[in-house]
N, C-alpha and C. Protein backbone atom coordinates (compact mmCIF):
# COMPACT_ATOMS: atom_id res chain seq x y z
N GLY A 1 0.82 -1.18 -0.01
CA GLY A 1 -0.02 0.02 -0.01
C GLY A 1 0.85 1.24 0.03
N ASP A 2 0.20 2.39 0.14
CA ASP A 2 0.91 3.65 0.14
C ASP A 2 1.85 3.84 1.32
N ARG A 3 1.59 3.14 2.40
CA ARG A 3 2.33 3.40 3.59
C ARG A 3 3.39 2.27 3.90
N GLU A 4 3.65 1.44 2.92
CA GLU A 4 4.65 0.33 3.11
C GLU A 4 6.03 0.93 3.08
N GLY A 5 6.92 0.33 3.76
CA GLY A 5 8.32 0.78 3.86
C GLY A 5 9.05 -0.02 4.88
N ASP A 6 10.04 0.60 5.47
CA ASP A 6 10.85 -0.09 6.51
C ASP A 6 10.02 -0.20 7.78
N LEU A 7 9.63 -1.41 8.09
CA LEU A 7 8.84 -1.62 9.30
C LEU A 7 9.63 -2.23 10.44
N SER A 8 10.94 -2.24 10.32
CA SER A 8 11.78 -2.85 11.33
C SER A 8 11.54 -2.30 12.74
N TYR A 9 11.41 -0.99 12.84
CA TYR A 9 11.16 -0.44 14.14
C TYR A 9 9.84 -0.88 14.71
N ALA A 10 8.79 -0.83 13.87
CA ALA A 10 7.49 -1.21 14.35
C ALA A 10 7.46 -2.70 14.76
N VAL A 11 8.08 -3.52 13.98
CA VAL A 11 8.12 -4.99 14.31
C VAL A 11 8.85 -5.17 15.62
N ARG A 12 10.02 -4.53 15.74
CA ARG A 12 10.80 -4.67 17.01
C ARG A 12 10.01 -4.16 18.23
N ARG A 13 9.32 -3.03 18.03
CA ARG A 13 8.55 -2.45 19.08
C ARG A 13 7.39 -3.37 19.53
N PHE A 14 6.71 -3.91 18.54
CA PHE A 14 5.63 -4.90 18.83
C PHE A 14 6.18 -6.11 19.54
N THR A 15 7.23 -6.68 19.02
CA THR A 15 7.83 -7.88 19.59
C THR A 15 8.26 -7.64 21.00
N ASP A 16 8.94 -6.53 21.27
CA ASP A 16 9.33 -6.20 22.65
C ASP A 16 8.18 -5.98 23.57
N GLU A 17 7.09 -5.33 23.08
CA GLU A 17 5.93 -5.13 23.95
C GLU A 17 5.24 -6.44 24.25
N ALA A 18 5.14 -7.28 23.22
CA ALA A 18 4.56 -8.62 23.46
C ALA A 18 5.40 -9.38 24.49
N ASN A 19 6.70 -9.28 24.39
CA ASN A 19 7.62 -9.95 25.32
C ASN A 19 7.33 -9.44 26.73
N ARG A 20 7.24 -8.14 26.88
CA ARG A 20 6.96 -7.52 28.18
C ARG A 20 5.64 -8.09 28.76
N LEU A 21 4.62 -8.21 27.93
CA LEU A 21 3.33 -8.70 28.38
C LEU A 21 3.35 -10.16 28.75
N TYR A 22 4.12 -10.95 28.01
CA TYR A 22 4.29 -12.36 28.40
C TYR A 22 5.02 -12.44 29.72
N GLY A 23 5.94 -11.53 30.00
CA GLY A 23 6.61 -11.45 31.29
C GLY A 23 5.63 -11.15 32.41
N VAL A 24 4.71 -10.21 32.18
CA VAL A 24 3.71 -9.87 33.20
C VAL A 24 2.84 -11.06 33.47
N LEU A 25 2.39 -11.76 32.45
CA LEU A 25 1.58 -12.97 32.64
C LEU A 25 2.39 -14.03 33.36
N ASN A 26 3.68 -14.21 32.99
CA ASN A 26 4.49 -15.20 33.63
C ASN A 26 4.61 -14.92 35.15
N MET A 27 4.87 -13.66 35.47
CA MET A 27 4.97 -13.32 36.89
C MET A 27 3.64 -13.58 37.63
N ARG A 28 2.59 -13.25 36.99
CA ARG A 28 1.24 -13.48 37.62
C ARG A 28 1.05 -14.97 37.91
N LEU A 29 1.51 -15.84 37.02
CA LEU A 29 1.29 -17.25 37.16
C LEU A 29 2.34 -17.99 37.98
N ARG A 30 3.34 -17.27 38.52
CA ARG A 30 4.38 -17.90 39.30
C ARG A 30 3.89 -18.56 40.59
N ASP A 31 2.83 -18.03 41.12
CA ASP A 31 2.37 -18.59 42.46
C ASP A 31 0.89 -18.97 42.39
N ARG A 32 0.39 -19.16 41.20
CA ARG A 32 -1.06 -19.60 41.08
C ARG A 32 -1.19 -20.45 39.84
N ARG A 33 -2.19 -21.34 39.90
CA ARG A 33 -2.40 -22.24 38.74
C ARG A 33 -2.98 -21.49 37.52
N TYR A 34 -3.90 -20.60 37.75
CA TYR A 34 -4.56 -19.91 36.73
C TYR A 34 -4.43 -18.38 36.99
N ILE A 35 -4.83 -17.56 36.04
CA ILE A 35 -4.59 -16.12 36.11
C ILE A 35 -5.23 -15.52 37.35
N ALA A 36 -6.44 -15.94 37.66
CA ALA A 36 -7.14 -15.34 38.81
C ALA A 36 -7.01 -16.15 40.09
N GLY A 37 -6.25 -17.20 40.10
CA GLY A 37 -6.08 -18.01 41.31
C GLY A 37 -6.01 -19.48 41.00
N ASP A 38 -6.68 -20.29 41.83
CA ASP A 38 -6.66 -21.75 41.66
C ASP A 38 -7.74 -22.31 40.81
N GLU A 39 -8.66 -21.47 40.40
CA GLU A 39 -9.80 -21.88 39.56
C GLU A 39 -9.68 -21.36 38.18
N PHE A 40 -10.07 -22.17 37.20
CA PHE A 40 -10.13 -21.76 35.80
C PHE A 40 -11.31 -20.76 35.64
N THR A 41 -11.05 -19.55 35.14
CA THR A 41 -12.07 -18.54 35.07
C THR A 41 -12.10 -17.90 33.71
N ILE A 42 -13.01 -16.93 33.56
CA ILE A 42 -13.10 -16.15 32.32
C ILE A 42 -11.81 -15.48 31.99
N ALA A 43 -10.99 -15.14 32.98
CA ALA A 43 -9.69 -14.51 32.72
C ALA A 43 -8.79 -15.45 31.88
N ASP A 44 -8.84 -16.74 32.18
CA ASP A 44 -8.06 -17.68 31.34
C ASP A 44 -8.69 -17.84 29.99
N ILE A 45 -9.99 -17.93 29.96
CA ILE A 45 -10.72 -18.11 28.66
C ILE A 45 -10.46 -17.02 27.71
N ILE A 46 -10.44 -15.73 28.19
CA ILE A 46 -10.26 -14.64 27.26
C ILE A 46 -8.82 -14.40 26.94
N SER A 47 -7.89 -14.82 27.81
CA SER A 47 -6.46 -14.60 27.58
C SER A 47 -5.86 -15.63 26.67
N PHE A 48 -6.32 -16.90 26.75
CA PHE A 48 -5.67 -17.96 26.02
C PHE A 48 -5.60 -17.71 24.50
N PRO A 49 -6.69 -17.29 23.88
CA PRO A 49 -6.65 -17.09 22.39
C PRO A 49 -5.58 -16.05 21.98
N TRP A 50 -5.32 -15.06 22.81
CA TRP A 50 -4.30 -14.02 22.46
C TRP A 50 -2.90 -14.63 22.55
N THR A 51 -2.74 -15.69 23.30
CA THR A 51 -1.40 -16.26 23.47
C THR A 51 -1.08 -17.36 22.50
N ILE A 52 -2.09 -17.81 21.79
CA ILE A 52 -1.85 -18.92 20.81
C ILE A 52 -0.82 -18.53 19.79
N GLY A 53 -0.72 -17.29 19.41
CA GLY A 53 0.18 -16.81 18.40
C GLY A 53 1.54 -16.46 18.89
N TRP A 54 2.00 -17.02 19.99
CA TRP A 54 3.32 -16.62 20.55
C TRP A 54 4.45 -16.79 19.59
N GLN A 55 4.46 -17.80 18.75
CA GLN A 55 5.53 -17.94 17.78
C GLN A 55 5.49 -16.82 16.75
N ALA A 56 4.33 -16.53 16.19
CA ALA A 56 4.19 -15.43 15.24
C ALA A 56 4.54 -14.12 15.83
N GLN A 57 4.38 -14.01 17.14
CA GLN A 57 4.73 -12.76 17.88
C GLN A 57 6.21 -12.68 18.21
N GLY A 58 6.98 -13.66 17.75
CA GLY A 58 8.46 -13.65 17.94
C GLY A 58 8.89 -13.96 19.36
N GLN A 59 8.10 -14.80 20.04
CA GLN A 59 8.42 -15.11 21.42
C GLN A 59 8.93 -16.52 21.60
N ASP A 60 9.74 -16.74 22.65
CA ASP A 60 10.23 -18.05 22.99
C ASP A 60 9.62 -18.34 24.37
N ILE A 61 8.60 -19.22 24.37
CA ILE A 61 7.88 -19.48 25.62
C ILE A 61 8.71 -20.24 26.67
N ASP A 62 9.87 -20.77 26.21
CA ASP A 62 10.76 -21.39 27.21
C ASP A 62 11.36 -20.36 28.15
N GLU A 63 11.29 -19.09 27.78
CA GLU A 63 11.77 -18.02 28.65
C GLU A 63 10.79 -17.75 29.79
N PHE A 64 9.56 -18.25 29.65
CA PHE A 64 8.46 -17.95 30.59
C PHE A 64 7.91 -19.28 31.08
N LYS A 65 8.57 -19.92 32.06
CA LYS A 65 8.20 -21.28 32.45
C LYS A 65 6.79 -21.33 33.07
N HIS A 66 6.38 -20.33 33.84
CA HIS A 66 5.07 -20.35 34.48
C HIS A 66 3.98 -20.13 33.36
N PHE A 67 4.24 -19.27 32.45
CA PHE A 67 3.33 -19.09 31.30
C PHE A 67 3.23 -20.36 30.51
N LYS A 68 4.37 -20.99 30.23
CA LYS A 68 4.38 -22.19 29.38
C LYS A 68 3.54 -23.31 30.05
N ARG A 69 3.67 -23.48 31.35
CA ARG A 69 2.90 -24.49 32.07
C ARG A 69 1.44 -24.18 31.96
N TRP A 70 1.05 -22.91 32.16
CA TRP A 70 -0.33 -22.49 32.05
C TRP A 70 -0.89 -22.72 30.62
N PHE A 71 -0.12 -22.31 29.63
CA PHE A 71 -0.50 -22.44 28.24
C PHE A 71 -0.77 -23.88 27.85
N GLU A 72 0.13 -24.76 28.25
CA GLU A 72 -0.01 -26.16 27.96
C GLU A 72 -1.20 -26.80 28.70
N GLU A 73 -1.40 -26.42 29.95
CA GLU A 73 -2.50 -26.95 30.75
C GLU A 73 -3.83 -26.46 30.18
N VAL A 74 -3.96 -25.14 29.92
CA VAL A 74 -5.21 -24.63 29.42
C VAL A 74 -5.48 -25.20 28.06
N GLY A 75 -4.42 -25.26 27.20
CA GLY A 75 -4.62 -25.76 25.85
C GLY A 75 -5.05 -27.21 25.76
N ALA A 76 -4.73 -27.95 26.84
CA ALA A 76 -5.11 -29.40 26.86
C ALA A 76 -6.49 -29.66 27.37
N ARG A 77 -7.15 -28.63 27.91
CA ARG A 77 -8.51 -28.79 28.45
C ARG A 77 -9.47 -29.25 27.33
N PRO A 78 -10.30 -30.24 27.55
CA PRO A 78 -11.22 -30.67 26.50
C PRO A 78 -12.10 -29.56 25.93
N GLY A 79 -12.61 -28.69 26.79
CA GLY A 79 -13.49 -27.59 26.30
C GLY A 79 -12.68 -26.62 25.44
N VAL A 80 -11.45 -26.39 25.75
CA VAL A 80 -10.62 -25.52 24.93
C VAL A 80 -10.36 -26.18 23.59
N GLN A 81 -10.06 -27.52 23.62
CA GLN A 81 -9.82 -28.21 22.37
C GLN A 81 -11.08 -28.16 21.48
N ARG A 82 -12.24 -28.35 22.07
CA ARG A 82 -13.50 -28.27 21.29
C ARG A 82 -13.69 -26.87 20.73
N GLY A 83 -13.37 -25.85 21.51
CA GLY A 83 -13.52 -24.48 21.05
C GLY A 83 -12.57 -24.16 19.90
N LEU A 84 -11.38 -24.65 20.00
CA LEU A 84 -10.34 -24.43 18.93
C LEU A 84 -10.72 -25.18 17.64
N ALA A 85 -11.41 -26.26 17.80
CA ALA A 85 -11.84 -27.02 16.62
C ALA A 85 -12.95 -26.36 15.79
N VAL A 86 -13.71 -25.51 16.44
CA VAL A 86 -14.80 -24.81 15.76
C VAL A 86 -14.22 -23.86 14.71
N GLY A 87 -14.57 -24.07 13.51
CA GLY A 87 -14.15 -23.18 12.44
C GLY A 87 -12.68 -23.41 11.95
N ALA A 88 -12.02 -24.49 12.49
CA ALA A 88 -10.63 -24.69 12.08
C ALA A 88 -10.52 -24.97 10.60
N ASP A 89 -11.59 -25.55 10.00
CA ASP A 89 -11.57 -25.81 8.60
C ASP A 89 -11.77 -24.57 7.75
N LEU A 90 -12.07 -23.44 8.40
CA LEU A 90 -12.29 -22.21 7.68
C LEU A 90 -11.03 -21.34 7.57
N SER A 91 -10.00 -21.71 8.33
CA SER A 91 -8.78 -20.89 8.30
C SER A 91 -8.10 -21.00 6.94
N THR A 92 -7.50 -19.90 6.52
CA THR A 92 -6.96 -19.86 5.16
C THR A 92 -5.55 -19.23 5.26
N ASP A 93 -4.66 -19.80 4.46
CA ASP A 93 -3.35 -19.19 4.31
C ASP A 93 -3.51 -18.15 3.20
N THR A 94 -3.55 -16.87 3.58
CA THR A 94 -3.80 -15.83 2.62
C THR A 94 -2.70 -15.66 1.63
N SER A 95 -1.52 -16.15 1.86
CA SER A 95 -0.44 -15.99 0.91
C SER A 95 -0.71 -16.82 -0.36
N LYS A 96 -1.66 -17.74 -0.30
CA LYS A 96 -1.95 -18.58 -1.47
C LYS A 96 -3.15 -18.05 -2.27
N LEU A 97 -3.73 -16.95 -1.80
CA LEU A 97 -4.84 -16.32 -2.47
C LEU A 97 -4.30 -15.45 -3.64
N PRO A 98 -5.16 -15.15 -4.63
CA PRO A 98 -4.77 -14.22 -5.67
C PRO A 98 -4.42 -12.86 -5.06
N GLN A 99 -3.54 -12.13 -5.79
CA GLN A 99 -3.09 -10.84 -5.27
C GLN A 99 -4.26 -9.88 -5.03
N GLU A 100 -5.31 -9.91 -5.88
CA GLU A 100 -6.43 -9.03 -5.75
C GLU A 100 -7.13 -9.29 -4.40
N GLU A 101 -7.30 -10.60 -4.08
CA GLU A 101 -7.93 -10.96 -2.83
C GLU A 101 -7.09 -10.58 -1.61
N GLN A 102 -5.79 -10.75 -1.71
CA GLN A 102 -4.85 -10.36 -0.65
C GLN A 102 -5.00 -8.85 -0.38
N ALA A 103 -5.06 -8.08 -1.48
CA ALA A 103 -5.17 -6.59 -1.37
C ALA A 103 -6.54 -6.21 -0.72
N ARG A 104 -7.59 -6.95 -1.09
CA ARG A 104 -8.87 -6.67 -0.50
C ARG A 104 -8.91 -6.93 1.01
N ILE A 105 -8.24 -8.03 1.39
CA ILE A 105 -8.20 -8.37 2.85
C ILE A 105 -7.31 -7.36 3.59
N ARG A 106 -6.22 -6.96 3.02
CA ARG A 106 -5.41 -5.92 3.64
C ARG A 106 -6.17 -4.64 3.84
N LYS A 107 -6.93 -4.26 2.85
CA LYS A 107 -7.73 -3.02 2.95
C LYS A 107 -8.70 -3.11 4.09
N ILE A 108 -9.34 -4.27 4.33
CA ILE A 108 -10.23 -4.46 5.40
C ILE A 108 -9.54 -4.45 6.75
N LEU A 109 -8.39 -5.09 6.86
CA LEU A 109 -7.72 -5.28 8.12
C LEU A 109 -6.86 -4.10 8.59
N TYR A 110 -6.32 -3.36 7.63
CA TYR A 110 -5.32 -2.33 8.00
C TYR A 110 -5.73 -0.96 7.56
N ASN A 111 -5.09 0.00 8.19
CA ASN A 111 -5.28 1.41 7.88
C ASN A 111 -6.76 1.85 8.10
N GLN A 112 -7.42 1.28 9.07
CA GLN A 112 -8.78 1.64 9.45
C GLN A 112 -8.68 2.77 10.41
N ARG A 113 -9.38 3.84 10.18
CA ARG A 113 -9.37 5.02 11.06
C ARG A 113 -10.78 5.33 11.50
N ALA A 114 -10.89 5.94 12.65
CA ALA A 114 -12.20 6.33 13.14
C ALA A 114 -12.69 7.48 12.31
N LEU A 115 -13.99 7.51 12.09
CA LEU A 115 -14.61 8.58 11.30
C LEU A 115 -15.07 9.63 12.30
N PRO A 116 -14.87 10.88 12.00
CA PRO A 116 -15.38 11.96 12.91
C PRO A 116 -16.88 11.88 13.00
N VAL A 117 -17.36 12.20 14.17
CA VAL A 117 -18.84 12.24 14.39
C VAL A 117 -19.25 13.72 14.54
N ALA A 118 -20.30 14.05 13.86
CA ALA A 118 -20.79 15.43 13.99
C ALA A 118 -21.24 15.73 15.39
N ASP A 119 -20.99 16.98 15.84
CA ASP A 119 -21.38 17.39 17.16
C ASP A 119 -22.87 17.58 17.26
């Protein structure tokens, strides 16, 4: 698009911020089984999907042993497995789509700005 260019700073900034957040989660889990304590709660349910992409986020979960334990335990729960299976057949590797379709998807996903609202 019009705004493509050297993204190295942005990628590094995102990767470092994600690393910091994994560290926060790791520290939270150092003395408890789940995010909010000893019981599996909505905190775990809403956090888990955001952590599935740890590899794509440039993270090494071996650096975060408490997070890794939680991630593996939560990911192994039957209900989580059933939830992850829903729609799995709908996922698409967009790099294999025609260029026009990739451009259409990028337009939907990126460079979205809020529209001003009249007073």
